[in-house]
Amino acid sequence: MDAELFPRERARVAPGAVHLPDWLDAARQRELLRACREWARPPAGLRTVRTPGGGAMTARQVCLGWHWYPYAYARTVADGDGAPVKPFPVWLGELGRRAVSDALGPAQAEDAAYDIALINFYEGDARMGMHRDADERATAPVVSLSLGDACVFRFGNTRTRARPYTDVELRSGDLFVFGGASRLAYHGVPRVLPGTAPAGLGLTGRLNVTLRVSGFPDDS
């Protein structure tokens, strides 16, 4: 029997870490994809991120609100064309709070003033090593939205990049939120599953839209 006939279910992966399959419907996925394509245009557009040691991340990235580069934030693309970072839209912050409310409950979303988006584009052979989102001053939950090809998302623990971890398949439209005891858990993407994007979306590859609260003063 076709497994796709059975809906995928909400899952608590770890304390404070929740996977909500199919959270974005097809129309909302297309809207978010259109926005991502506009944000990817220069100036302050999609770029290759390089580590201090000279290595290059295989996923390319564009930022909104605050520009992240290893391992700090700035108001300009300090490791690229130097242009001011694109603004973080109000509607995206509202989407982030709704995501947290649906995943963790309304109380977790009340004071979550989302002001950072990191949008990563993965081609078929791209991946992301195990890391923590630890460069922010706030402890609000991280919101992750997936578009396009599915991937294996590896969600680990707060102590080490090694086991124990849980592998979750994230598909287009899925939501993953992690906060509380799991806010600083190591996580990564060891594999993208090429050719799995919805046919009607019009995207080859995977986009991940990650929302964070900086906790930085407005005049920084």
N, C-alpha and C. Protein backbone atom coordinates (compact mmCIF):
# COMPACT_ATOMS: atom_id res chain seq x y z
N MET A 1 0.85 -1.20 0.00
CA MET A 1 0.00 0.00 0.00
C MET A 1 0.88 1.24 0.00
N ASP A 2 0.48 2.29 -0.72
CA ASP A 2 1.26 3.52 -0.86
C ASP A 2 1.34 4.25 0.48
N ALA A 3 2.59 4.44 0.96
CA ALA A 3 2.78 5.12 2.25
C ALA A 3 2.30 6.55 2.21
N GLU A 4 2.27 7.17 1.00
CA GLU A 4 1.85 8.56 0.91
C GLU A 4 0.37 8.73 1.23
N LEU A 5 -0.39 7.63 1.27
CA LEU A 5 -1.80 7.73 1.63
C LEU A 5 -1.97 8.05 3.10
N PHE A 6 -0.93 7.82 3.89
CA PHE A 6 -1.00 8.06 5.32
C PHE A 6 -0.33 9.39 5.65
N PRO A 7 -1.03 10.30 6.32
CA PRO A 7 -0.43 11.60 6.63
C PRO A 7 0.73 11.46 7.61
N ARG A 8 1.74 12.25 7.39
CA ARG A 8 2.84 12.31 8.35
C ARG A 8 2.36 13.05 9.60
N GLU A 9 2.89 12.71 10.74
CA GLU A 9 2.36 13.23 11.99
C GLU A 9 3.37 14.13 12.70
N ARG A 10 2.83 15.05 13.49
CA ARG A 10 3.62 15.89 14.38
C ARG A 10 4.49 15.01 15.28
N ALA A 11 5.74 15.44 15.50
CA ALA A 11 6.64 14.64 16.33
C ALA A 11 7.47 15.53 17.24
N ARG A 12 7.58 15.12 18.49
CA ARG A 12 8.48 15.77 19.45
C ARG A 12 9.80 15.02 19.37
N VAL A 13 10.80 15.65 18.80
CA VAL A 13 12.08 15.01 18.55
C VAL A 13 12.98 15.04 19.79
N ALA A 14 12.87 16.09 20.58
CA ALA A 14 13.63 16.27 21.82
C ALA A 14 12.87 17.30 22.65
N PRO A 15 13.22 17.48 23.92
CA PRO A 15 12.54 18.50 24.71
C PRO A 15 12.67 19.88 24.05
N GLY A 16 11.53 20.49 23.70
CA GLY A 16 11.55 21.79 23.05
C GLY A 16 11.79 21.76 21.57
N ALA A 17 11.88 20.57 20.96
CA ALA A 17 12.14 20.44 19.52
C ALA A 17 10.99 19.67 18.89
N VAL A 18 10.29 20.31 17.96
CA VAL A 18 9.07 19.74 17.39
C VAL A 18 9.10 19.84 15.87
N HIS A 19 8.69 18.76 15.21
CA HIS A 19 8.56 18.71 13.75
C HIS A 19 7.08 18.70 13.40
N LEU A 20 6.66 19.67 12.58
CA LEU A 20 5.29 19.74 12.08
C LEU A 20 5.32 19.57 10.57
N PRO A 21 5.00 18.39 10.07
CA PRO A 21 4.99 18.18 8.61
C PRO A 21 3.90 19.00 7.93
N ASP A 22 4.18 19.41 6.70
CA ASP A 22 3.18 20.06 5.84
C ASP A 22 2.57 21.30 6.49
N TRP A 23 3.36 22.05 7.21
CA TRP A 23 2.84 23.23 7.91
C TRP A 23 2.48 24.35 6.93
N LEU A 24 3.27 24.49 5.89
CA LEU A 24 2.97 25.46 4.83
C LEU A 24 2.23 24.76 3.70
N ASP A 25 1.08 25.29 3.32
CA ASP A 25 0.39 24.69 2.18
C ASP A 25 1.08 25.11 0.88
N ALA A 26 0.60 24.57 -0.24
CA ALA A 26 1.27 24.79 -1.52
C ALA A 26 1.31 26.27 -1.89
N ALA A 27 0.22 27.00 -1.65
CA ALA A 27 0.18 28.42 -2.00
C ALA A 27 1.18 29.21 -1.17
N ARG A 28 1.27 28.92 0.12
CA ARG A 28 2.21 29.65 0.98
C ARG A 28 3.65 29.31 0.63
N GLN A 29 3.90 28.07 0.23
CA GLN A 29 5.24 27.70 -0.22
C GLN A 29 5.65 28.52 -1.44
N ARG A 30 4.73 28.68 -2.38
CA ARG A 30 5.05 29.45 -3.58
C ARG A 30 5.30 30.92 -3.24
N GLU A 31 4.53 31.47 -2.31
CA GLU A 31 4.73 32.86 -1.89
C GLU A 31 6.10 33.03 -1.24
N LEU A 32 6.46 32.11 -0.36
CA LEU A 32 7.75 32.21 0.31
C LEU A 32 8.89 32.03 -0.67
N LEU A 33 8.73 31.14 -1.64
CA LEU A 33 9.76 30.95 -2.67
C LEU A 33 9.95 32.22 -3.49
N ARG A 34 8.86 32.88 -3.87
CA ARG A 34 8.97 34.13 -4.62
C ARG A 34 9.76 35.17 -3.82
N ALA A 35 9.48 35.26 -2.53
CA ALA A 35 10.20 36.21 -1.68
C ALA A 35 11.68 35.85 -1.61
N CYS A 36 11.98 34.57 -1.46
CA CYS A 36 13.39 34.14 -1.39
C CYS A 36 14.15 34.50 -2.66
N ARG A 37 13.50 34.37 -3.80
CA ARG A 37 14.16 34.71 -5.06
C ARG A 37 14.46 36.19 -5.15
N GLU A 38 13.59 37.02 -4.60
CA GLU A 38 13.87 38.46 -4.57
C GLU A 38 15.01 38.77 -3.61
N TRP A 39 15.00 38.14 -2.45
CA TRP A 39 16.06 38.39 -1.47
C TRP A 39 17.43 37.93 -1.99
N ALA A 40 17.43 36.93 -2.86
CA ALA A 40 18.69 36.37 -3.37
C ALA A 40 19.38 37.29 -4.37
N ARG A 41 18.67 38.28 -4.89
CA ARG A 41 19.27 39.18 -5.88
C ARG A 41 20.27 40.13 -5.22
N PRO A 42 21.35 40.47 -5.92
CA PRO A 42 22.27 41.49 -5.39
C PRO A 42 21.65 42.87 -5.48
N PRO A 43 22.13 43.82 -4.69
CA PRO A 43 23.22 43.68 -3.71
C PRO A 43 22.76 42.93 -2.46
N ALA A 44 23.73 42.56 -1.63
CA ALA A 44 23.48 41.79 -0.40
C ALA A 44 22.69 40.53 -0.73
N GLY A 45 23.04 39.89 -1.84
CA GLY A 45 22.30 38.71 -2.30
C GLY A 45 22.94 37.40 -1.87
N LEU A 46 22.53 36.34 -2.55
CA LEU A 46 23.01 34.99 -2.25
C LEU A 46 24.53 34.94 -2.43
N ARG A 47 25.21 34.35 -1.47
CA ARG A 47 26.67 34.31 -1.52
C ARG A 47 27.17 32.97 -0.99
N THR A 48 28.43 32.69 -1.26
CA THR A 48 29.13 31.54 -0.69
C THR A 48 29.78 31.98 0.61
N VAL A 49 29.52 31.24 1.67
CA VAL A 49 30.07 31.57 2.99
C VAL A 49 31.40 30.85 3.18
N ARG A 50 32.40 31.62 3.59
CA ARG A 50 33.72 31.04 3.82
C ARG A 50 34.07 31.12 5.30
N THR A 51 34.65 30.05 5.82
CA THR A 51 35.03 29.98 7.22
C THR A 51 36.36 30.70 7.43
N PRO A 52 36.70 31.03 8.68
CA PRO A 52 37.99 31.71 8.93
C PRO A 52 39.19 30.92 8.43
N GLY A 53 39.06 29.59 8.35
CA GLY A 53 40.17 28.77 7.86
C GLY A 53 40.28 28.72 6.35
N GLY A 54 39.33 29.36 5.65
CA GLY A 54 39.39 29.40 4.19
C GLY A 54 38.49 28.41 3.50
N GLY A 55 37.83 27.53 4.25
CA GLY A 55 36.91 26.58 3.65
C GLY A 55 35.62 27.26 3.21
N ALA A 56 34.89 26.63 2.30
CA ALA A 56 33.64 27.18 1.79
C ALA A 56 32.48 26.26 2.14
N MET A 57 31.39 26.84 2.65
CA MET A 57 30.19 26.06 2.87
C MET A 57 29.58 25.68 1.53
N THR A 58 29.03 24.48 1.43
CA THR A 58 28.44 24.04 0.17
C THR A 58 27.04 24.59 -0.04
N ALA A 59 26.37 24.99 1.04
CA ALA A 59 25.08 25.68 0.92
C ALA A 59 25.36 27.18 0.83
N ARG A 60 24.71 27.85 -0.14
CA ARG A 60 24.87 29.29 -0.25
C ARG A 60 23.80 30.00 0.57
N GLN A 61 24.05 31.27 0.92
CA GLN A 61 23.22 31.92 1.93
C GLN A 61 22.96 33.39 1.62
N VAL A 62 21.78 33.85 2.03
CA VAL A 62 21.46 35.27 2.06
C VAL A 62 20.80 35.55 3.41
N CYS A 63 21.02 36.74 3.95
CA CYS A 63 20.53 37.09 5.28
C CYS A 63 19.59 38.30 5.22
N LEU A 64 18.69 38.34 6.18
CA LEU A 64 17.79 39.49 6.34
C LEU A 64 17.91 39.99 7.78
N GLY A 65 17.80 41.32 7.95
CA GLY A 65 17.79 41.90 9.29
C GLY A 65 19.18 42.11 9.84
N TRP A 66 19.88 41.04 10.09
CA TRP A 66 21.28 41.05 10.49
C TRP A 66 22.02 40.07 9.58
N HIS A 67 23.23 40.43 9.18
CA HIS A 67 24.03 39.58 8.32
C HIS A 67 24.94 38.71 9.18
N TRP A 68 24.78 37.37 9.01
CA TRP A 68 25.64 36.44 9.73
C TRP A 68 26.83 36.04 8.87
N TYR A 69 28.00 36.03 9.51
CA TYR A 69 29.20 35.47 8.88
C TYR A 69 29.99 34.82 10.01
N PRO A 70 30.80 33.80 9.70
CA PRO A 70 31.45 33.05 10.79
C PRO A 70 32.43 33.90 11.59
N TYR A 71 32.13 34.15 12.84
CA TYR A 71 31.00 33.74 13.67
C TYR A 71 30.49 34.98 14.39
N ALA A 72 29.82 35.86 13.64
CA ALA A 72 29.38 37.14 14.17
C ALA A 72 28.23 37.65 13.31
N TYR A 73 27.66 38.78 13.74
CA TYR A 73 26.62 39.45 12.98
C TYR A 73 27.05 40.88 12.67
N ALA A 74 26.54 41.41 11.55
CA ALA A 74 26.82 42.79 11.16
C ALA A 74 25.60 43.34 10.44
N ARG A 75 25.58 44.65 10.23
CA ARG A 75 24.50 45.28 9.48
C ARG A 75 24.82 45.39 7.99
N THR A 76 26.01 45.00 7.61
CA THR A 76 26.40 44.98 6.20
C THR A 76 26.95 43.60 5.86
N VAL A 77 27.06 43.32 4.58
CA VAL A 77 27.61 42.03 4.14
C VAL A 77 29.12 42.12 4.26
N ALA A 78 29.59 41.96 5.50
CA ALA A 78 30.99 42.20 5.83
C ALA A 78 31.93 41.25 5.11
N ASP A 79 31.46 40.07 4.75
CA ASP A 79 32.31 39.09 4.07
C ASP A 79 31.94 38.95 2.59
N GLY A 80 31.25 39.98 2.06
CA GLY A 80 30.83 39.92 0.66
C GLY A 80 30.95 41.27 -0.02
N ASP A 81 29.82 41.77 -0.56
CA ASP A 81 29.89 43.01 -1.33
C ASP A 81 29.82 44.27 -0.48
N GLY A 82 29.70 44.11 0.85
CA GLY A 82 29.70 45.27 1.74
C GLY A 82 28.41 46.04 1.78
N ALA A 83 27.40 45.61 1.04
CA ALA A 83 26.11 46.32 0.99
C ALA A 83 25.35 46.16 2.30
N PRO A 84 24.47 47.10 2.62
CA PRO A 84 23.62 46.94 3.81
C PRO A 84 22.76 45.68 3.68
N VAL A 85 22.60 44.98 4.79
CA VAL A 85 21.79 43.78 4.77
C VAL A 85 20.34 44.15 4.44
N LYS A 86 19.64 43.28 3.76
CA LYS A 86 18.24 43.53 3.43
C LYS A 86 17.39 43.53 4.69
N PRO A 87 16.33 44.36 4.73
CA PRO A 87 15.50 44.45 5.94
C PRO A 87 14.74 43.15 6.21
N PHE A 88 14.44 42.94 7.47
CA PHE A 88 13.64 41.80 7.89
C PHE A 88 12.17 42.21 7.86
N PRO A 89 11.34 41.56 7.03
CA PRO A 89 9.95 42.00 6.89
C PRO A 89 9.08 41.65 8.10
N VAL A 90 8.14 42.53 8.39
CA VAL A 90 7.23 42.33 9.52
C VAL A 90 6.46 41.01 9.37
N TRP A 91 6.01 40.74 8.14
CA TRP A 91 5.19 39.52 7.95
C TRP A 91 5.97 38.25 8.25
N LEU A 92 7.30 38.29 8.06
CA LEU A 92 8.10 37.11 8.33
C LEU A 92 8.20 36.88 9.84
N GLY A 93 8.29 37.96 10.61
CA GLY A 93 8.28 37.83 12.06
C GLY A 93 6.97 37.27 12.57
N GLU A 94 5.86 37.71 11.96
CA GLU A 94 4.55 37.18 12.34
C GLU A 94 4.44 35.69 12.02
N LEU A 95 5.01 35.30 10.87
CA LEU A 95 5.02 33.88 10.52
C LEU A 95 5.83 33.08 11.53
N GLY A 96 6.95 33.64 11.98
CA GLY A 96 7.78 32.97 12.97
C GLY A 96 7.06 32.77 14.28
N ARG A 97 6.35 33.79 14.75
CA ARG A 97 5.61 33.66 16.01
C ARG A 97 4.48 32.65 15.89
N ARG A 98 3.81 32.62 14.74
CA ARG A 98 2.74 31.64 14.55
C ARG A 98 3.33 30.23 14.55
N ALA A 99 4.51 30.08 13.95
CA ALA A 99 5.17 28.77 13.94
C ALA A 99 5.48 28.30 15.35
N VAL A 100 6.02 29.19 16.17
CA VAL A 100 6.36 28.83 17.55
C VAL A 100 5.09 28.50 18.33
N SER A 101 4.06 29.29 18.13
CA SER A 101 2.80 29.04 18.84
C SER A 101 2.24 27.67 18.49
N ASP A 102 2.27 27.32 17.20
CA ASP A 102 1.74 26.02 16.78
C ASP A 102 2.60 24.87 17.28
N ALA A 103 3.91 25.08 17.35
CA ALA A 103 4.81 24.00 17.74
C ALA A 103 4.96 23.85 19.25
N LEU A 104 5.10 24.96 19.95
CA LEU A 104 5.44 24.92 21.38
C LEU A 104 4.40 25.55 22.29
N GLY A 105 3.40 26.21 21.70
CA GLY A 105 2.37 26.85 22.51
C GLY A 105 2.49 28.35 22.48
N PRO A 106 1.35 29.06 22.67
CA PRO A 106 1.33 30.53 22.57
C PRO A 106 2.28 31.24 23.52
N ALA A 107 2.48 30.70 24.71
CA ALA A 107 3.34 31.38 25.70
C ALA A 107 4.77 31.51 25.20
N GLN A 108 5.23 30.55 24.41
CA GLN A 108 6.60 30.59 23.90
C GLN A 108 6.76 31.66 22.81
N ALA A 109 5.64 32.08 22.21
CA ALA A 109 5.71 32.99 21.07
C ALA A 109 5.49 34.45 21.43
N GLU A 110 4.97 34.72 22.62
CA GLU A 110 4.52 36.08 22.98
C GLU A 110 5.61 37.13 22.81
N ASP A 111 6.80 36.86 23.31
CA ASP A 111 7.87 37.86 23.31
C ASP A 111 8.95 37.58 22.26
N ALA A 112 8.63 36.76 21.29
CA ALA A 112 9.63 36.39 20.28
C ALA A 112 9.64 37.43 19.16
N ALA A 113 10.52 38.40 19.28
CA ALA A 113 10.61 39.48 18.29
C ALA A 113 11.62 39.09 17.22
N TYR A 114 11.21 38.26 16.28
CA TYR A 114 12.13 37.77 15.26
C TYR A 114 12.66 38.92 14.40
N ASP A 115 13.98 38.92 14.21
CA ASP A 115 14.60 40.01 13.45
C ASP A 115 15.76 39.53 12.58
N ILE A 116 15.97 38.21 12.49
CA ILE A 116 17.03 37.63 11.65
C ILE A 116 16.43 36.51 10.82
N ALA A 117 16.78 36.48 9.55
CA ALA A 117 16.50 35.31 8.71
C ALA A 117 17.78 34.91 8.00
N LEU A 118 18.13 33.65 8.08
CA LEU A 118 19.21 33.06 7.30
C LEU A 118 18.57 32.11 6.31
N ILE A 119 18.74 32.39 5.03
CA ILE A 119 18.14 31.56 3.97
C ILE A 119 19.27 30.82 3.27
N ASN A 120 19.26 29.51 3.39
CA ASN A 120 20.30 28.67 2.81
C ASN A 120 19.76 27.91 1.61
N PHE A 121 20.52 27.94 0.51
CA PHE A 121 20.14 27.20 -0.70
C PHE A 121 21.08 26.02 -0.87
N TYR A 122 20.49 24.82 -0.95
CA TYR A 122 21.24 23.58 -1.10
C TYR A 122 21.00 23.00 -2.49
N GLU A 123 22.05 22.83 -3.26
CA GLU A 123 21.95 22.02 -4.45
C GLU A 123 22.07 20.55 -4.04
N GLY A 124 21.97 19.65 -5.00
CA GLY A 124 21.85 18.23 -4.67
C GLY A 124 22.99 17.67 -3.84
N ASP A 125 24.20 18.18 -4.02
CA ASP A 125 25.35 17.64 -3.29
C ASP A 125 25.75 18.49 -2.09
N ALA A 126 24.96 19.49 -1.75
CA ALA A 126 25.29 20.36 -0.63
C ALA A 126 24.93 19.69 0.70
N ARG A 127 25.55 20.17 1.76
CA ARG A 127 25.26 19.65 3.09
C ARG A 127 25.64 20.73 4.10
N MET A 128 25.31 20.47 5.36
CA MET A 128 25.65 21.40 6.44
C MET A 128 26.16 20.57 7.61
N GLY A 129 27.38 20.86 8.06
CA GLY A 129 27.95 20.13 9.18
C GLY A 129 27.25 20.44 10.49
N MET A 130 27.46 19.59 11.47
CA MET A 130 26.84 19.78 12.78
C MET A 130 27.35 21.07 13.42
N HIS A 131 26.42 21.89 13.88
CA HIS A 131 26.76 23.18 14.45
C HIS A 131 25.66 23.62 15.42
N ARG A 132 25.93 24.65 16.17
CA ARG A 132 24.93 25.24 17.06
C ARG A 132 24.65 26.67 16.63
N ASP A 133 23.41 27.13 16.81
CA ASP A 133 23.07 28.53 16.55
C ASP A 133 23.31 29.30 17.84
N ALA A 134 24.57 29.71 18.04
CA ALA A 134 24.99 30.23 19.34
C ALA A 134 25.52 31.66 19.27
N ASP A 135 25.33 32.36 18.14
CA ASP A 135 25.88 33.70 18.01
C ASP A 135 24.87 34.79 18.35
N GLU A 136 23.67 34.40 18.77
CA GLU A 136 22.65 35.37 19.18
C GLU A 136 22.70 35.57 20.69
N ARG A 137 22.14 36.68 21.15
CA ARG A 137 22.07 36.94 22.59
C ARG A 137 20.75 36.49 23.19
N ALA A 138 19.76 36.28 22.36
CA ALA A 138 18.44 35.86 22.83
C ALA A 138 18.34 34.33 22.84
N THR A 139 17.39 33.83 23.63
CA THR A 139 17.19 32.38 23.74
C THR A 139 15.85 31.95 23.15
N ALA A 140 15.21 32.81 22.36
CA ALA A 140 13.94 32.46 21.73
C ALA A 140 14.12 31.27 20.81
N PRO A 141 13.08 30.48 20.59
CA PRO A 141 13.20 29.30 19.73
C PRO A 141 13.62 29.66 18.31
N VAL A 142 14.35 28.75 17.68
CA VAL A 142 14.72 28.86 16.28
C VAL A 142 13.61 28.23 15.44
N VAL A 143 13.24 28.91 14.37
CA VAL A 143 12.20 28.43 13.45
C VAL A 143 12.85 28.06 12.13
N SER A 144 12.58 26.86 11.63
CA SER A 144 13.16 26.39 10.38
C SER A 144 12.04 25.95 9.44
N LEU A 145 12.02 26.54 8.23
CA LEU A 145 11.03 26.22 7.21
C LEU A 145 11.73 25.66 5.98
N SER A 146 11.18 24.60 5.41
CA SER A 146 11.80 23.91 4.28
C SER A 146 10.99 24.11 3.01
N LEU A 147 11.70 24.32 1.89
CA LEU A 147 11.09 24.42 0.57
C LEU A 147 11.91 23.59 -0.41
N GLY A 148 11.22 22.93 -1.34
CA GLY A 148 11.92 22.22 -2.41
C GLY A 148 12.25 20.79 -2.05
N ASP A 149 13.46 20.36 -2.41
CA ASP A 149 13.87 18.98 -2.16
C ASP A 149 13.87 18.64 -0.68
N ALA A 150 13.52 17.41 -0.38
CA ALA A 150 13.61 16.92 0.99
C ALA A 150 15.07 16.77 1.39
N CYS A 151 15.29 16.66 2.69
CA CYS A 151 16.65 16.44 3.19
C CYS A 151 16.59 15.57 4.43
N VAL A 152 17.75 15.04 4.80
CA VAL A 152 17.92 14.40 6.10
C VAL A 152 18.42 15.48 7.05
N PHE A 153 17.63 15.79 8.05
CA PHE A 153 17.99 16.79 9.06
C PHE A 153 18.40 16.04 10.31
N ARG A 154 19.62 16.27 10.74
CA ARG A 154 20.17 15.56 11.91
C ARG A 154 20.10 16.48 13.12
N PHE A 155 19.31 16.06 14.12
CA PHE A 155 19.15 16.89 15.33
C PHE A 155 19.79 16.17 16.50
N GLY A 156 20.80 16.82 17.08
CA GLY A 156 21.61 16.18 18.10
C GLY A 156 21.35 16.67 19.50
N ASN A 157 22.41 16.75 20.28
CA ASN A 157 22.34 17.11 21.69
C ASN A 157 23.13 18.39 21.91
N THR A 158 23.12 18.91 23.12
CA THR A 158 23.76 20.19 23.42
C THR A 158 25.22 20.05 23.83
N ARG A 159 25.73 18.83 23.92
CA ARG A 159 27.08 18.64 24.46
C ARG A 159 28.13 18.35 23.39
N THR A 160 27.74 17.64 22.34
CA THR A 160 28.72 17.17 21.37
C THR A 160 28.09 17.06 19.98
N ARG A 161 28.93 17.11 18.95
CA ARG A 161 28.46 16.92 17.58
C ARG A 161 28.15 15.45 17.28
N ALA A 162 28.60 14.58 18.15
CA ALA A 162 28.42 13.14 17.92
C ALA A 162 27.08 12.67 18.49
N ARG A 163 26.86 11.38 18.46
CA ARG A 163 25.65 10.80 19.01
C ARG A 163 25.50 11.13 20.49
N PRO A 164 24.27 11.16 21.01
CA PRO A 164 23.02 10.76 20.33
C PRO A 164 22.45 11.87 19.45
N TYR A 165 21.88 11.46 18.33
CA TYR A 165 21.15 12.38 17.47
C TYR A 165 20.00 11.61 16.81
N THR A 166 19.08 12.38 16.24
CA THR A 166 17.93 11.81 15.55
C THR A 166 17.89 12.37 14.13
N ASP A 167 17.73 11.50 13.16
CA ASP A 167 17.59 11.93 11.77
C ASP A 167 16.11 12.05 11.41
N VAL A 168 15.75 13.22 10.87
CA VAL A 168 14.37 13.52 10.51
C VAL A 168 14.35 13.88 9.02
N GLU A 169 13.40 13.34 8.27
CA GLU A 169 13.25 13.75 6.88
C GLU A 169 12.37 15.01 6.84
N LEU A 170 12.95 16.11 6.36
CA LEU A 170 12.20 17.35 6.20
C LEU A 170 11.84 17.51 4.73
N ARG A 171 10.56 17.69 4.46
CA ARG A 171 10.08 17.87 3.10
C ARG A 171 9.59 19.30 2.91
N SER A 172 9.29 19.63 1.68
CA SER A 172 8.82 20.98 1.35
C SER A 172 7.54 21.29 2.12
N GLY A 173 7.55 22.43 2.80
CA GLY A 173 6.41 22.84 3.60
C GLY A 173 6.52 22.48 5.07
N ASP A 174 7.53 21.69 5.43
CA ASP A 174 7.68 21.26 6.82
C ASP A 174 8.22 22.39 7.70
N LEU A 175 7.82 22.33 8.96
CA LEU A 175 8.30 23.25 9.99
C LEU A 175 9.04 22.45 11.06
N PHE A 176 10.18 22.99 11.49
CA PHE A 176 10.91 22.43 12.62
C PHE A 176 11.25 23.58 13.54
N VAL A 177 10.88 23.46 14.82
CA VAL A 177 11.13 24.51 15.81
C VAL A 177 11.92 23.89 16.96
N PHE A 178 12.97 24.60 17.41
CA PHE A 178 13.68 24.11 18.59
C PHE A 178 14.03 25.27 19.52
N GLY A 179 13.67 25.08 20.78
CA GLY A 179 13.92 26.07 21.82
C GLY A 179 14.08 25.40 23.16
N GLY A 180 14.03 26.21 24.23
CA GLY A 180 14.13 25.65 25.57
C GLY A 180 15.40 24.85 25.76
N ALA A 181 15.24 23.62 26.26
CA ALA A 181 16.40 22.77 26.55
C ALA A 181 17.17 22.39 25.29
N SER A 182 16.54 22.52 24.12
CA SER A 182 17.19 22.15 22.86
C SER A 182 17.67 23.35 22.05
N ARG A 183 17.57 24.56 22.60
CA ARG A 183 17.90 25.75 21.81
C ARG A 183 19.33 25.71 21.28
N LEU A 184 20.26 25.17 22.05
CA LEU A 184 21.66 25.13 21.63
C LEU A 184 22.10 23.72 21.21
N ALA A 185 21.17 22.92 20.78
CA ALA A 185 21.52 21.58 20.30
C ALA A 185 22.27 21.66 18.97
N TYR A 186 23.22 20.76 18.79
CA TYR A 186 23.91 20.64 17.51
C TYR A 186 22.94 20.05 16.48
N HIS A 187 23.05 20.53 15.24
CA HIS A 187 22.18 20.06 14.17
C HIS A 187 22.87 20.28 12.83
N GLY A 188 22.43 19.56 11.82
CA GLY A 188 23.04 19.70 10.51
C GLY A 188 22.23 18.98 9.45
N VAL A 189 22.71 19.07 8.23
CA VAL A 189 22.05 18.43 7.08
C VAL A 189 23.09 17.56 6.38
N PRO A 190 23.13 16.26 6.68
CA PRO A 190 24.12 15.40 6.03
C PRO A 190 23.79 15.04 4.59
N ARG A 191 22.50 15.22 4.18
CA ARG A 191 22.16 14.78 2.84
C ARG A 191 20.89 15.47 2.34
N VAL A 192 20.93 15.92 1.10
CA VAL A 192 19.75 16.38 0.38
C VAL A 192 19.27 15.24 -0.51
N LEU A 193 17.96 15.16 -0.74
CA LEU A 193 17.38 14.10 -1.55
C LEU A 193 16.91 14.70 -2.88
N PRO A 194 17.79 14.75 -3.89
CA PRO A 194 17.47 15.44 -5.15
C PRO A 194 16.24 14.85 -5.84
N GLY A 195 15.51 15.73 -6.50
CA GLY A 195 14.37 15.29 -7.27
C GLY A 195 13.11 15.04 -6.48
N THR A 196 13.08 15.47 -5.22
CA THR A 196 11.91 15.20 -4.36
C THR A 196 11.04 16.43 -4.14
N ALA A 197 11.38 17.56 -4.76
CA ALA A 197 10.57 18.77 -4.59
C ALA A 197 9.20 18.59 -5.24
N PRO A 198 8.17 19.23 -4.69
CA PRO A 198 6.85 19.16 -5.33
C PRO A 198 6.91 19.67 -6.76
N ALA A 199 6.25 18.96 -7.67
CA ALA A 199 6.34 19.30 -9.09
C ALA A 199 5.83 20.71 -9.37
N GLY A 200 4.83 21.15 -8.66
CA GLY A 200 4.24 22.46 -8.93
C GLY A 200 4.96 23.63 -8.31
N LEU A 201 6.00 23.38 -7.51
CA LEU A 201 6.67 24.48 -6.82
C LEU A 201 7.62 25.23 -7.74
N GLY A 202 8.28 24.53 -8.65
CA GLY A 202 9.21 25.19 -9.55
C GLY A 202 10.57 25.46 -8.94
N LEU A 203 11.03 24.56 -8.08
CA LEU A 203 12.33 24.73 -7.43
C LEU A 203 13.13 23.45 -7.57
N THR A 204 14.36 23.57 -8.06
CA THR A 204 15.31 22.47 -8.08
C THR A 204 16.33 22.74 -6.98
N GLY A 205 16.44 21.84 -6.02
CA GLY A 205 17.28 22.07 -4.86
C GLY A 205 16.41 22.32 -3.64
N ARG A 206 17.05 22.71 -2.55
CA ARG A 206 16.36 22.93 -1.28
C ARG A 206 16.65 24.32 -0.75
N LEU A 207 15.61 24.98 -0.25
CA LEU A 207 15.75 26.23 0.48
C LEU A 207 15.34 26.00 1.93
N ASN A 208 16.13 26.52 2.83
CA ASN A 208 15.81 26.49 4.25
C ASN A 208 15.78 27.92 4.77
N VAL A 209 14.65 28.33 5.31
CA VAL A 209 14.49 29.66 5.88
C VAL A 209 14.52 29.52 7.39
N THR A 210 15.56 30.03 8.02
CA THR A 210 15.74 29.92 9.46
C THR A 210 15.54 31.29 10.10
N LEU A 211 14.63 31.37 11.07
CA LEU A 211 14.34 32.62 11.76
C LEU A 211 14.87 32.57 13.18
N ARG A 212 15.48 33.69 13.59
CA ARG A 212 16.07 33.78 14.93
C ARG A 212 15.78 35.15 15.52
N VAL A 213 15.88 35.23 16.84
CA VAL A 213 15.79 36.50 17.56
C VAL A 213 17.21 36.86 17.99
N SER A 214 17.67 38.04 17.60
CA SER A 214 19.07 38.41 17.86
C SER A 214 19.33 38.74 19.32
N GLY A 215 18.42 39.52 19.92
CA GLY A 215 18.69 40.05 21.26
C GLY A 215 19.64 41.21 21.26
N PHE A 216 19.99 41.72 20.06
CA PHE A 216 20.90 42.86 19.95
C PHE A 216 20.14 44.15 20.10
N PRO A 217 20.76 45.18 20.70
CA PRO A 217 20.11 46.49 20.76
C PRO A 217 19.92 47.07 19.37
N ASP A 218 18.88 47.87 19.20
CA ASP A 218 18.55 48.42 17.88
C ASP A 218 19.65 49.30 17.31
N ASP A 219 20.42 49.94 18.17
CA ASP A 219 21.44 50.87 17.69
C ASP A 219 22.81 50.21 17.55
N SER A 220 22.86 48.86 17.60
CA SER A 220 24.16 48.18 17.44
C SER A 220 24.67 48.31 16.02
